Amino acid sequence: MLLAERHKRNGQLAEAEAALRQIVDSTPDHHAAWHLLGLIAFEVGKLPLSAELIAHAVRLNDAVALYHRNLGELCRRLGRLDEAVAAGRRATKLAPNDLEAHYNLGLALTDKGEWDAAIRAYRRALELNPDHGLSWNNLGAALEKKGDLAGAEAAYARAVALNPAHHEAQNNLGAIYSLQGRLEDARRCFEDSIKANPDFVEPHFNLSSLKTYRADDPQLRHLERNLAKAGAMPVPARIRYWFALGKAREDVGRYDDAFAAYAEGNRLQHELLPCDEARADDMLARLIAVFDRDFFAARRDVPGGDKTPIFIVGMPRSGTTLLEQILASHPAVHGAGELPDLNQVIMDAPARAGRRFPDFVPDLVPDDFKHMGEAYVERVWRLAPGARYITDKMPANFFHIGMIRLMLPNAKIIHAMRDPMDSCFSNYARLFNDTMEFAYDLGTLGRYYVRYISLMRHWHAVLPAGSILDLRYEDLVADPEGQTRRLLDYLGLPWDDNCLAFHRNKRHVKTASVAQVRQPIYKTSVARWRHFENHLQPLLAIVQAYRQ
């Protein structure tokens, strides 16, 4: 055994394996030899074999914490998360003062999305060593997932203080600062992350939306030099690389090259998130069939309460975040961001019983709509109990305007409108989360726009005049004060100068427009798509007939 260990330390893995095989051939229950064989398999990249060998060592001796710790980490890397957590818990029970055991357990729990348990594991590791930067960074990530942004910021900052070259912690801290509107601090963190590890794609991607590149920009040069390495990156990192490169190339006026980068990033993301257009077409048809004029004529409004929800709907990248930032700068309005609550309340409708929306809606009675509206208000007003007005800027709530009308008759609905080519291309040039599957292909994007505008025209046709305020992004950019006064008049709110100083509002903004709403209104995004017109003909052909 000592000879095998010496061979392994010297990097002589074949010799070490041969010596260990002799041991297990003569002594099949030599658990330490099986464990070391597993470690050798890991070093040569044979993870399934490594897990099998170490699991055999565990079966031979269940009382060695190291075996469970290593088995847990292997199972985590193989995606066998239940086994990883079970092994991690056994390791921490056998060795309660083993920092690595608690840290590895935290990683497995993080991968499972069990945030509370992960937080406890990282905190226990930090009790054992308060200077363990990896635990601070991962604790921050778990706290962020739980919505504790202050705790996450403190944890990331501690990791960075311990090691300024901790590139992941620098990037994570920068992302928190970005949410807070501390854009200079965010840029500094992303730049420090890039300095610590220039090949780490995430800070390049995060920084790309916060800066304007120059032709001689060293970060652009680095992105271009990494072109040959892109194919070897994991797919999520490769996607971020292409979007970052596209933004940098667009900034310096290399529009054809920029589109090529955007197209590759979109192609990869579209493969990960295919769009079910047949389902989307069916949903549109059923919405229009259910919510017709006769449907509304046969139903009386339920009583409105003393709270006024403000729904800001439209295509993504149509100015919804800017509108919310303007309104949230008014002292009477709380900006809540993109909320899932309306959809969740509708999906919990009392008559649903497994039926699809909107098929069950005709079976709802006025009290059902009343209770659903109350449920929405109760959920949302937890965010700001003293507010009279709260904005919900989930753009896709345009699907639910019929339900809003019946559930919340005193709600205000603002329709953010923008030139369809600018709106669609802005979607195409931006990497979103995993709920925007329509955005990563010009055809699916154009057809999503057609569904959206068709449904908005339907709502205007079947609802009373004045139910929805249409507000064009281009008009807002051209006349900020006039359009803001029009907006406040619709809401019944008095004028407030803060609405024109919205860029000074430091509220958290969690959307892709975070950098834009930290600046005064600018016009450079109008007709942006023209730079890429030659590449956008498939999109233009789809939306031409539906231009607003």
Protein backbone atom coordinates (compact mmCIF):
# COMPACT_ATOMS: atom_id res chain seq x y z
CA MET A 1 0.00 0.00 0.00
CA LEU A 2 2.84 2.41 0.84
CA LEU A 3 4.44 1.68 -2.53
CA ALA A 4 1.17 2.43 -4.34
CA GLU A 5 0.76 5.70 -2.43
CA ARG A 6 4.32 6.72 -3.31
CA HIS A 7 3.73 5.98 -7.00
CA LYS A 8 0.57 8.10 -6.93
CA ARG A 9 2.34 11.03 -5.23
CA ASN A 10 5.00 10.89 -7.94
CA GLY A 11 2.40 10.89 -10.70
CA GLN A 12 3.13 7.29 -11.66
CA LEU A 13 -0.52 6.34 -11.88
CA ALA A 14 -0.12 3.17 -13.94
CA GLU A 15 2.41 1.79 -11.47
CA ALA A 16 0.22 2.78 -8.54
CA GLU A 17 -2.80 1.05 -10.10
CA ALA A 18 -0.80 -2.11 -10.77
CA ALA A 19 0.35 -2.25 -7.14
CA LEU A 20 -3.19 -1.72 -5.89
CA ARG A 21 -4.58 -4.39 -8.17
CA GLN A 22 -2.18 -6.87 -6.64
CA ILE A 23 -3.41 -5.89 -3.19
CA VAL A 24 -7.12 -6.30 -3.96
CA ASP A 25 -6.50 -9.53 -5.83
CA SER A 26 -4.91 -11.00 -2.73
CA THR A 27 -7.02 -9.13 -0.18
CA PRO A 28 -10.42 -8.33 -1.74
CA ASP A 29 -11.69 -6.58 1.38
CA HIS A 30 -8.84 -4.04 1.52
CA HIS A 31 -11.08 -0.97 1.51
CA ALA A 32 -8.22 1.57 1.48
CA ALA A 33 -6.85 0.05 -1.72
CA TRP A 34 -10.26 0.24 -3.41
CA HIS A 35 -10.56 3.88 -2.33
CA LEU A 36 -7.14 4.74 -3.74
CA LEU A 37 -8.03 2.99 -7.00
CA GLY A 38 -11.06 5.25 -7.12
CA LEU A 39 -8.90 8.35 -6.68
CA ILE A 40 -6.63 7.23 -9.52
CA ALA A 41 -9.65 6.73 -11.77
CA PHE A 42 -10.76 10.25 -10.89
CA GLU A 43 -7.38 11.72 -11.83
CA VAL A 44 -7.57 10.20 -15.32
CA GLY A 45 -11.11 11.51 -15.80
CA LYS A 46 -13.05 8.27 -15.34
CA LEU A 47 -15.66 9.61 -12.96
CA PRO A 48 -18.26 6.79 -13.18
CA LEU A 49 -15.54 4.19 -12.53
CA SER A 50 -14.13 6.31 -9.70
CA ALA A 51 -17.56 6.48 -8.03
CA GLU A 52 -18.02 2.72 -8.44
CA LEU A 53 -14.63 1.94 -6.86
CA ILE A 54 -15.12 4.32 -3.92
CA ALA A 55 -18.66 3.05 -3.36
CA HIS A 56 -17.13 -0.44 -3.09
CA ALA A 57 -14.72 0.89 -0.45
CA VAL A 58 -17.73 2.30 1.45
CA ARG A 59 -19.49 -1.04 1.34
CA LEU A 60 -16.40 -2.67 2.81
CA ASN A 61 -16.06 -0.05 5.57
CA ASP A 62 -18.92 2.36 6.18
CA ALA A 63 -17.15 4.16 9.03
CA VAL A 64 -14.54 6.17 7.09
CA ALA A 65 -15.71 9.75 6.62
CA LEU A 66 -13.23 10.45 3.82
CA TYR A 67 -14.76 7.72 1.66
CA HIS A 68 -18.23 9.19 2.03
CA ARG A 69 -16.95 12.71 1.42
CA ASN A 70 -15.23 11.75 -1.82
CA LEU A 71 -18.13 9.59 -2.96
CA GLY A 72 -20.53 12.47 -2.35
CA GLU A 73 -18.48 14.87 -4.46
CA LEU A 74 -18.22 12.33 -7.29
CA CYS A 75 -21.96 11.72 -7.25
CA ARG A 76 -22.55 15.47 -7.32
CA ARG A 77 -20.36 15.87 -10.39
CA LEU A 78 -22.18 12.99 -12.04
CA GLY A 79 -25.56 14.58 -11.29
CA ARG A 80 -26.60 11.86 -8.84
CA LEU A 81 -27.68 14.42 -6.29
CA ASP A 82 -29.70 12.27 -3.88
CA GLU A 83 -26.71 9.97 -3.48
CA ALA A 84 -24.40 12.97 -3.15
CA VAL A 85 -26.45 14.45 -0.30
CA ALA A 86 -26.77 11.09 1.46
CA ALA A 87 -23.01 10.54 1.27
CA GLY A 88 -22.35 14.11 2.41
CA ARG A 89 -24.61 13.78 5.41
CA ARG A 90 -22.92 10.53 6.39
CA ALA A 91 -19.49 12.17 6.08
CA THR A 92 -20.46 15.10 8.31
CA LYS A 93 -21.95 12.74 10.87
CA LEU A 94 -18.75 10.68 11.00
CA ALA A 95 -16.49 13.75 10.99
CA PRO A 96 -18.45 16.73 12.37
CA ASN A 97 -15.33 18.91 12.42
CA ASP A 98 -14.29 18.19 8.81
CA LEU A 99 -14.67 21.51 6.99
CA GLU A 100 -14.46 19.93 3.51
CA ALA A 101 -17.24 17.49 4.36
CA HIS A 102 -19.62 20.33 5.27
CA TYR A 103 -18.53 22.39 2.27
CA ASN A 104 -19.04 19.49 -0.15
CA LEU A 105 -22.42 18.76 1.40
CA GLY A 106 -23.32 22.41 0.83
CA LEU A 107 -22.39 22.08 -2.85
CA ALA A 108 -24.60 19.02 -3.26
CA LEU A 109 -27.52 20.73 -1.52
CA THR A 110 -26.99 23.81 -3.69
CA ASP A 111 -27.16 21.71 -6.84
CA LYS A 112 -30.43 20.23 -5.55
CA GLY A 113 -31.84 23.67 -4.86
CA GLU A 114 -32.22 22.98 -1.13
CA TRP A 115 -31.11 26.47 -0.20
CA ASP A 116 -31.86 26.46 3.54
CA ALA A 117 -29.94 23.24 4.12
CA ALA A 118 -27.09 24.46 1.92
CA ILE A 119 -26.88 27.68 3.94
CA ARG A 120 -26.62 25.65 7.16
CA ALA A 121 -23.84 23.51 5.66
CA TYR A 122 -21.80 26.53 4.55
CA ARG A 123 -22.30 28.26 7.89
CA ARG A 124 -21.04 25.16 9.69
CA ALA A 125 -17.96 25.11 7.44
CA LEU A 126 -17.35 28.76 8.32
CA GLU A 127 -17.67 28.03 12.02
CA LEU A 128 -14.78 25.62 11.51
CA ASN A 129 -12.77 28.13 9.46
CA PRO A 130 -14.06 31.71 9.18
CA ASP A 131 -11.48 32.39 6.46
CA HIS A 132 -12.73 29.75 4.03
CA GLY A 133 -13.42 31.94 1.02
CA LEU A 134 -15.10 29.24 -1.05
CA SER A 135 -17.72 28.78 1.64
CA TRP A 136 -18.33 32.53 1.82
CA ASN A 137 -18.83 32.72 -1.93
CA ASN A 138 -21.20 29.76 -2.06
CA LEU A 139 -23.05 30.96 1.01
CA GLY A 140 -23.60 34.22 -0.85
CA ALA A 141 -25.02 32.36 -3.84
CA ALA A 142 -27.45 30.41 -1.65
CA LEU A 143 -28.55 33.54 0.20
CA GLU A 144 -29.09 35.31 -3.12
CA LYS A 145 -31.32 32.46 -4.27
CA LYS A 146 -33.34 32.90 -1.08
CA GLY A 147 -33.76 36.60 -1.84
CA ASP A 148 -31.46 37.79 0.95
CA LEU A 149 -29.48 40.25 -1.15
CA ALA A 150 -27.95 42.04 1.83
CA GLY A 151 -26.69 38.75 3.24
CA ALA A 152 -25.42 37.69 -0.16
CA GLU A 153 -23.56 40.96 -0.63
CA ALA A 154 -21.89 40.61 2.78
CA ALA A 155 -20.85 37.02 2.04
CA TYR A 156 -19.42 37.85 -1.40
CA ALA A 157 -17.63 40.88 0.03
CA ARG A 158 -16.06 38.71 2.71
CA ALA A 159 -14.83 36.23 0.07
CA VAL A 160 -13.34 39.10 -1.94
CA ALA A 161 -11.70 40.60 1.14
CA LEU A 162 -10.06 37.26 1.90
CA ASN A 163 -8.86 36.89 -1.70
CA PRO A 164 -9.22 39.78 -4.17
CA ALA A 165 -8.26 37.33 -6.94
CA HIS A 166 -11.31 35.14 -6.23
CA HIS A 167 -12.77 35.66 -9.67
CA GLU A 168 -16.14 34.01 -9.00
CA ALA A 169 -16.74 36.04 -5.85
CA GLN A 170 -15.75 39.26 -7.62
CA ASN A 171 -18.21 38.49 -10.41
CA ASN A 172 -20.98 37.60 -7.97
CA LEU A 173 -20.44 40.75 -5.93
CA GLY A 174 -20.51 42.78 -9.13
CA ALA A 175 -23.86 41.26 -10.05
CA ILE A 176 -25.30 42.32 -6.67
CA TYR A 177 -23.96 45.85 -7.11
CA SER A 178 -25.50 45.95 -10.58
CA LEU A 179 -28.92 45.08 -9.14
CA GLN A 180 -28.51 47.88 -6.62
CA GLY A 181 -27.68 50.42 -9.29
CA ARG A 182 -24.09 50.74 -8.04
CA LEU A 183 -22.82 50.45 -11.59
CA GLU A 184 -19.30 51.81 -11.04
CA ASP A 185 -18.76 49.33 -8.21
CA ALA A 186 -20.19 46.59 -10.42
CA ARG A 187 -17.83 47.45 -13.28
CA ARG A 188 -14.87 47.43 -10.91
CA CYS A 189 -15.76 43.97 -9.64
CA PHE A 190 -16.27 42.56 -13.13
CA GLU A 191 -12.97 44.05 -14.26
CA ASP A 192 -11.18 42.64 -11.22
CA SER A 193 -12.74 39.25 -11.96
CA ILE A 194 -11.46 39.43 -15.54
CA LYS A 195 -7.98 40.42 -14.34
CA ALA A 196 -7.92 37.45 -11.97
CA ASN A 197 -9.08 35.01 -14.67
CA PRO A 198 -9.33 36.50 -18.18
CA ASP A 199 -10.83 33.30 -19.56
CA PHE A 200 -13.77 33.34 -17.11
CA VAL A 201 -16.62 34.27 -19.43
CA GLU A 202 -19.24 35.34 -16.88
CA PRO A 203 -17.76 38.76 -15.97
CA HIS A 204 -17.17 39.53 -19.66
CA PHE A 205 -20.86 38.85 -20.27
CA ASN A 206 -22.02 40.84 -17.23
CA LEU A 207 -19.74 43.76 -18.01
CA SER A 208 -20.80 43.90 -21.66
CA SER A 209 -24.18 45.44 -20.78
CA LEU A 210 -22.58 48.08 -18.54
CA LYS A 211 -19.94 49.51 -20.84
CA THR A 212 -19.36 50.79 -24.35
CA TYR A 213 -16.37 49.12 -25.99
CA ARG A 214 -13.72 50.96 -28.00
CA ALA A 215 -11.90 49.58 -31.02
CA ASP A 216 -8.68 49.31 -28.97
CA ASP A 217 -10.42 47.89 -25.90
CA PRO A 218 -8.22 45.15 -24.34
CA GLN A 219 -11.30 43.21 -23.26
CA LEU A 220 -12.59 43.17 -26.83
CA ARG A 221 -9.17 42.01 -28.01
CA HIS A 222 -9.25 39.22 -25.45
CA LEU A 223 -12.71 38.12 -26.55
CA GLU A 224 -11.52 38.03 -30.16
CA ARG A 225 -8.39 36.05 -29.21
CA ASN A 226 -10.59 33.48 -27.48
CA LEU A 227 -12.55 32.82 -30.66
CA ALA A 228 -10.64 29.59 -31.28
CA LYS A 229 -11.35 28.42 -27.71
CA ALA A 230 -15.09 29.00 -27.87
CA GLY A 231 -15.88 25.53 -29.20
CA ALA A 232 -14.29 23.89 -26.16
CA MET A 233 -16.29 25.94 -23.63
CA PRO A 234 -19.26 24.38 -21.84
CA VAL A 235 -22.39 25.34 -23.76
CA PRO A 236 -23.73 27.88 -21.18
CA ALA A 237 -20.37 29.68 -21.11
CA ARG A 238 -20.12 29.53 -24.91
CA ILE A 239 -23.54 31.17 -25.22
CA ARG A 240 -22.50 33.99 -22.90
CA TYR A 241 -19.24 34.40 -24.80
CA TRP A 242 -21.04 34.91 -28.12
CA PHE A 243 -23.50 37.44 -26.68
CA ALA A 244 -20.67 39.39 -25.02
CA LEU A 245 -18.66 39.37 -28.24
CA GLY A 246 -21.69 40.49 -30.23
CA LYS A 247 -22.27 43.46 -27.92
CA ALA A 248 -18.60 44.48 -28.09
CA ARG A 249 -18.52 44.26 -31.88
CA GLU A 250 -21.76 46.23 -32.16
CA ASP A 251 -20.34 48.99 -29.97
CA VAL A 252 -17.40 49.51 -32.34
CA GLY A 253 -19.60 49.48 -35.45
CA ARG A 254 -18.69 46.03 -36.77
CA TYR A 255 -22.33 45.20 -37.39
CA ASP A 256 -21.93 42.18 -39.67
CA ASP A 257 -19.46 40.58 -37.26
CA ALA A 258 -21.72 41.48 -34.34
CA PHE A 259 -24.70 39.81 -35.97
CA ALA A 260 -22.63 36.66 -36.62
CA ALA A 261 -21.82 36.47 -32.91
CA TYR A 262 -25.42 37.13 -31.84
CA ALA A 263 -26.63 34.51 -34.32
CA GLU A 264 -24.31 31.83 -32.91
CA GLY A 265 -25.29 32.59 -29.33
CA ASN A 266 -28.95 32.47 -30.27
CA ARG A 267 -28.53 29.25 -32.23
CA LEU A 268 -27.02 27.51 -29.21
CA GLN A 269 -29.64 28.88 -26.81
CA HIS A 270 -32.46 27.97 -29.19
CA GLU A 271 -31.19 24.37 -29.23
CA LEU A 272 -31.36 24.33 -25.42
CA LEU A 273 -34.82 25.97 -25.33
CA PRO A 274 -36.91 24.94 -28.33
CA CYS A 275 -40.15 26.87 -28.72
CA ASP A 276 -43.47 25.00 -28.87
CA GLU A 277 -45.24 27.24 -31.36
CA ALA A 278 -48.20 24.93 -31.90
CA ARG A 279 -49.01 25.24 -28.21
CA ALA A 280 -48.63 29.02 -28.39
CA ASP A 281 -50.95 29.24 -31.42
CA ASP A 282 -53.52 27.11 -29.62
CA MET A 283 -53.37 29.33 -26.53
CA LEU A 284 -53.97 32.46 -28.62
CA ALA A 285 -56.95 30.90 -30.38
CA ARG A 286 -58.52 29.75 -27.11
CA LEU A 287 -58.02 33.14 -25.44
CA ILE A 288 -59.75 34.95 -28.29
CA ALA A 289 -62.56 32.39 -28.35
CA VAL A 290 -63.24 32.59 -24.60
CA PHE A 291 -62.81 36.32 -24.02
CA ASP A 292 -65.11 37.71 -26.70
CA ARG A 293 -67.52 40.64 -26.47
CA ASP A 294 -70.41 38.44 -25.36
CA PHE A 295 -68.28 37.03 -22.52
CA PHE A 296 -67.67 40.48 -21.03
CA ALA A 297 -71.21 41.67 -21.71
CA ALA A 298 -72.61 38.79 -19.66
CA ARG A 299 -70.46 39.53 -16.60
CA ARG A 300 -70.73 42.32 -14.10
CA ASP A 301 -67.69 43.94 -12.51
CA VAL A 302 -66.78 42.81 -9.03
CA PRO A 303 -66.27 45.57 -6.43
CA GLY A 304 -62.85 47.19 -6.50
CA GLY A 305 -60.78 47.68 -3.36
CA ASP A 306 -58.70 50.60 -2.17
CA LYS A 307 -55.50 49.24 -3.72
CA THR A 308 -54.52 50.00 -7.31
CA PRO A 309 -52.33 47.49 -9.11
CA ILE A 310 -50.59 48.89 -12.19
CA PHE A 311 -49.83 46.29 -14.84
CA ILE A 312 -47.19 47.21 -17.40
CA VAL A 313 -47.43 44.78 -20.31
CA GLY A 314 -46.03 44.37 -23.80
CA MET A 315 -43.21 42.78 -25.70
CA PRO A 316 -40.02 42.33 -23.68
CA ARG A 317 -37.53 45.10 -24.45
CA SER A 318 -40.32 47.53 -25.32
CA GLY A 319 -39.68 50.02 -22.51
CA THR A 320 -41.50 48.27 -19.66
CA THR A 321 -38.58 48.70 -17.26
CA LEU A 322 -38.20 52.38 -18.14
CA LEU A 323 -41.90 52.97 -17.55
CA GLU A 324 -41.78 51.23 -14.19
CA GLN A 325 -38.68 53.20 -13.16
CA ILE A 326 -40.46 56.47 -14.00
CA LEU A 327 -43.53 55.46 -12.01
CA ALA A 328 -41.55 54.04 -9.09
CA SER A 329 -39.88 57.44 -8.75
CA HIS A 330 -43.28 58.88 -7.80
CA PRO A 331 -43.77 58.81 -3.99
CA ALA A 332 -47.20 57.15 -4.34
CA VAL A 333 -45.95 54.17 -6.35
CA HIS A 334 -44.00 51.09 -5.34
CA GLY A 335 -42.21 49.37 -8.20
CA ALA A 336 -42.34 45.61 -7.61
CA GLY A 337 -40.74 44.41 -10.85
CA GLU A 338 -41.75 41.30 -12.75
CA LEU A 339 -44.05 39.29 -10.50
CA PRO A 340 -45.25 35.71 -11.00
CA ASP A 341 -48.27 36.20 -8.73
CA LEU A 342 -50.99 36.93 -11.28
CA ASN A 343 -50.29 33.77 -13.24
CA GLN A 344 -50.07 31.72 -10.04
CA VAL A 345 -53.41 33.02 -8.74
CA ILE A 346 -55.07 32.23 -12.07
CA MET A 347 -53.59 28.75 -12.13
CA ASP A 348 -55.04 28.19 -8.64
CA ALA A 349 -58.54 29.15 -9.81
CA PRO A 350 -61.31 27.29 -7.95
CA ALA A 351 -62.89 25.83 -11.12
CA ARG A 352 -59.64 24.69 -12.68
CA ALA A 353 -59.65 21.04 -11.53
CA GLY A 354 -56.88 20.05 -13.91
CA ARG A 355 -58.33 21.95 -16.88
CA ARG A 356 -56.20 24.26 -19.00
CA PHE A 357 -56.43 28.02 -18.93
CA PRO A 358 -58.61 29.61 -20.26
CA ASP A 359 -61.02 26.71 -20.76
CA PHE A 360 -62.26 26.84 -17.16
CA VAL A 361 -62.86 30.60 -17.08
CA PRO A 362 -66.50 30.55 -18.28
CA ASP A 363 -67.36 28.39 -15.24
CA LEU A 364 -66.14 31.05 -12.79
CA VAL A 365 -68.76 33.15 -11.00
CA PRO A 366 -68.35 36.77 -9.79
CA ASP A 367 -67.31 35.66 -6.30
CA ASP A 368 -64.54 33.56 -7.82
CA PHE A 369 -63.13 36.58 -9.66
CA LYS A 370 -63.48 38.67 -6.51
CA HIS A 371 -61.60 36.15 -4.37
CA MET A 372 -58.89 35.75 -6.99
CA GLY A 373 -58.40 39.52 -7.12
CA GLU A 374 -58.20 39.64 -3.33
CA ALA A 375 -55.65 36.81 -3.36
CA TYR A 376 -53.48 38.71 -5.85
CA VAL A 377 -53.65 41.92 -3.83
CA GLU A 378 -52.90 40.07 -0.59
CA ARG A 379 -49.80 38.48 -2.11
CA VAL A 380 -48.43 41.56 -3.83
CA TRP A 381 -49.11 44.08 -1.07
CA ARG A 382 -46.87 42.12 1.28
CA LEU A 383 -44.06 43.80 -0.67
CA ALA A 384 -45.20 47.30 0.33
CA PRO A 385 -48.10 47.21 2.82
CA GLY A 386 -48.47 50.98 2.96
CA ALA A 387 -48.57 51.58 -0.79
CA ARG A 388 -51.68 52.67 -2.69
CA TYR A 389 -50.19 51.82 -6.11
CA ILE A 390 -47.89 48.88 -6.92
CA THR A 391 -46.53 48.16 -10.37
CA ASP A 392 -46.27 44.65 -11.78
CA LYS A 393 -44.23 44.79 -14.97
CA MET A 394 -44.38 41.16 -16.05
CA PRO A 395 -44.57 41.80 -19.83
CA ALA A 396 -46.38 38.54 -20.59
CA ASN A 397 -49.33 39.57 -18.42
CA PHE A 398 -50.82 40.79 -21.71
CA PHE A 399 -52.13 37.22 -21.95
CA HIS A 400 -54.16 37.85 -18.79
CA ILE A 401 -55.72 41.25 -19.51
CA GLY A 402 -59.17 39.66 -19.68
CA MET A 403 -58.68 38.16 -16.24
CA ILE A 404 -57.29 41.43 -14.86
CA ARG A 405 -60.42 43.21 -16.01
CA LEU A 406 -62.65 40.74 -14.13
CA MET A 407 -60.51 40.16 -11.03
CA LEU A 408 -59.25 43.71 -10.47
CA PRO A 409 -61.62 46.18 -12.13
CA ASN A 410 -59.83 49.21 -10.70
CA ALA A 411 -56.42 48.03 -11.95
CA LYS A 412 -54.56 50.19 -14.44
CA ILE A 413 -53.07 48.58 -17.55
CA ILE A 414 -50.25 50.28 -19.42
CA HIS A 415 -49.28 48.83 -22.77
CA ALA A 416 -45.63 49.56 -23.57
CA MET A 417 -45.26 49.77 -27.34
CA ARG A 418 -42.17 50.01 -29.51
CA ASP A 419 -41.29 49.67 -33.18
CA PRO A 420 -41.53 45.88 -33.68
CA MET A 421 -38.18 45.57 -35.41
CA ASP A 422 -36.38 47.43 -32.63
CA SER A 423 -38.21 45.45 -29.96
CA CYS A 424 -37.61 42.10 -31.64
CA PHE A 425 -33.95 42.75 -32.43
CA SER A 426 -33.35 43.99 -28.89
CA ASN A 427 -34.68 40.63 -27.70
CA TYR A 428 -32.48 38.76 -30.17
CA ALA A 429 -29.36 40.63 -29.04
CA ARG A 430 -29.95 39.89 -25.34
CA LEU A 431 -29.55 36.65 -23.41
CA PHE A 432 -32.46 36.20 -21.02
CA ASN A 433 -33.44 33.49 -18.58
CA ASP A 434 -34.93 30.11 -19.39
CA THR A 435 -38.50 31.40 -19.82
CA MET A 436 -37.89 33.33 -23.06
CA GLU A 437 -37.68 30.43 -25.48
CA PHE A 438 -39.27 32.44 -28.30
CA ALA A 439 -36.44 35.01 -28.35
CA TYR A 440 -33.58 32.97 -29.82
CA ASP A 441 -34.70 32.47 -33.41
CA LEU A 442 -35.81 35.17 -35.85
CA GLY A 443 -38.80 33.13 -36.99
CA THR A 444 -40.11 32.23 -33.53
CA LEU A 445 -39.45 35.79 -32.38
CA GLY A 446 -41.41 37.34 -35.23
CA ARG A 447 -44.33 34.97 -34.76
CA TYR A 448 -44.38 35.69 -31.01
CA TYR A 449 -44.68 39.36 -31.86
CA VAL A 450 -47.61 38.61 -34.19
CA ARG A 451 -49.42 36.67 -31.43
CA TYR A 452 -48.78 39.47 -28.96
CA ILE A 453 -50.00 42.31 -31.16
CA SER A 454 -53.00 40.27 -32.35
CA LEU A 455 -54.05 39.67 -28.76
CA MET A 456 -53.53 43.30 -27.77
CA ARG A 457 -55.74 44.38 -30.67
CA HIS A 458 -58.33 41.87 -29.48
CA TRP A 459 -58.33 43.31 -25.94
CA HIS A 460 -58.82 46.82 -27.33
CA ALA A 461 -61.74 45.57 -29.40
CA VAL A 462 -63.62 43.76 -26.62
CA LEU A 463 -62.92 45.99 -23.60
CA PRO A 464 -64.36 49.45 -22.97
CA ALA A 465 -62.43 52.40 -24.36
CA GLY A 466 -59.83 53.65 -21.89
CA SER A 467 -59.26 50.26 -20.27
CA ILE A 468 -55.68 50.20 -21.56
CA LEU A 469 -53.22 53.05 -22.04
CA ASP A 470 -50.95 52.58 -25.06
CA LEU A 471 -47.63 54.35 -24.61
CA ARG A 472 -44.99 54.29 -27.32
CA TYR A 473 -41.32 54.11 -26.43
CA GLU A 474 -40.45 56.44 -29.31
CA ASP A 475 -42.92 59.06 -28.06
CA LEU A 476 -41.52 58.80 -24.54
CA VAL A 477 -37.98 59.30 -25.79
CA ALA A 478 -39.01 62.28 -27.93
CA ASP A 479 -41.13 63.96 -25.23
CA PRO A 480 -40.34 62.57 -21.75
CA GLU A 481 -42.26 65.19 -19.79
CA GLY A 482 -45.34 65.19 -22.01
CA GLN A 483 -45.66 61.41 -22.04
CA THR A 484 -44.98 61.16 -18.31
CA ARG A 485 -47.76 63.68 -17.64
CA ARG A 486 -50.06 61.61 -19.86
CA LEU A 487 -49.10 58.51 -17.90
CA LEU A 488 -49.77 60.12 -14.50
CA ASP A 489 -53.07 61.58 -15.72
CA TYR A 490 -54.22 58.07 -16.70
CA LEU A 491 -53.34 56.82 -13.22
CA GLY A 492 -54.94 59.79 -11.48
CA LEU A 493 -51.66 60.83 -9.87
CA PRO A 494 -50.37 64.39 -9.41
CA TRP A 495 -47.24 65.52 -11.16
CA ASP A 496 -43.93 64.87 -9.39
CA ASP A 497 -40.55 66.10 -10.69
CA ASN A 498 -38.88 62.91 -9.44
CA CYS A 499 -40.45 61.05 -12.35
CA LEU A 500 -38.11 62.85 -14.75
CA ALA A 501 -35.12 62.08 -12.49
CA PHE A 502 -35.87 58.36 -12.53
CA HIS A 503 -32.21 57.52 -13.25
CA ARG A 504 -31.33 58.65 -9.71
CA ASN A 505 -33.72 56.09 -8.19
CA LYS A 506 -31.54 53.36 -6.62
CA ARG A 507 -34.26 50.70 -6.31
CA HIS A 508 -33.27 47.17 -7.29
CA VAL A 509 -33.83 46.42 -10.96
CA LYS A 510 -33.61 42.75 -11.90
CA THR A 511 -34.10 42.93 -15.65
CA ALA A 512 -31.79 43.22 -18.62
CA SER A 513 -32.43 46.98 -18.71
CA VAL A 514 -30.67 47.68 -15.42
CA ALA A 515 -27.99 49.88 -17.00
CA GLN A 516 -30.38 51.82 -19.20
CA VAL A 517 -32.63 52.96 -16.36
CA ARG A 518 -29.63 54.36 -14.47
CA GLN A 519 -29.21 56.96 -17.25
CA PRO A 520 -31.39 59.86 -18.42
CA ILE A 521 -33.55 59.05 -21.45
CA TYR A 522 -31.48 58.69 -24.62
CA LYS A 523 -32.40 58.15 -28.28
CA THR A 524 -29.64 55.84 -29.51
CA SER A 525 -31.82 52.72 -29.23
CA VAL A 526 -34.36 54.08 -31.72
CA ALA A 527 -33.97 52.37 -35.14
CA ARG A 528 -31.06 50.30 -33.84
CA TRP A 529 -32.20 47.41 -36.01
CA ARG A 530 -31.30 49.33 -39.17
CA HIS A 531 -27.63 48.51 -38.62
CA PHE A 532 -28.54 44.85 -39.07
CA GLU A 533 -31.23 45.22 -41.73
CA ASN A 534 -29.58 42.90 -44.27
CA HIS A 535 -29.59 40.06 -41.72
CA LEU A 536 -33.12 40.65 -40.43
CA GLN A 537 -35.14 40.13 -43.58
CA PRO A 538 -36.81 36.90 -42.29
CA LEU A 539 -37.99 38.81 -39.21
CA LEU A 540 -39.05 41.86 -41.23
CA ALA A 541 -41.13 39.71 -43.58
CA ILE A 542 -43.12 38.35 -40.63
CA VAL A 543 -43.81 41.58 -38.74
CA GLN A 544 -44.27 43.97 -41.68
CA ALA A 545 -47.98 43.40 -41.91
CA TYR A 546 -48.42 43.98 -38.17
CA ARG A 547 -46.43 47.17 -37.63
CA GLN A 548 -48.14 49.25 -34.97
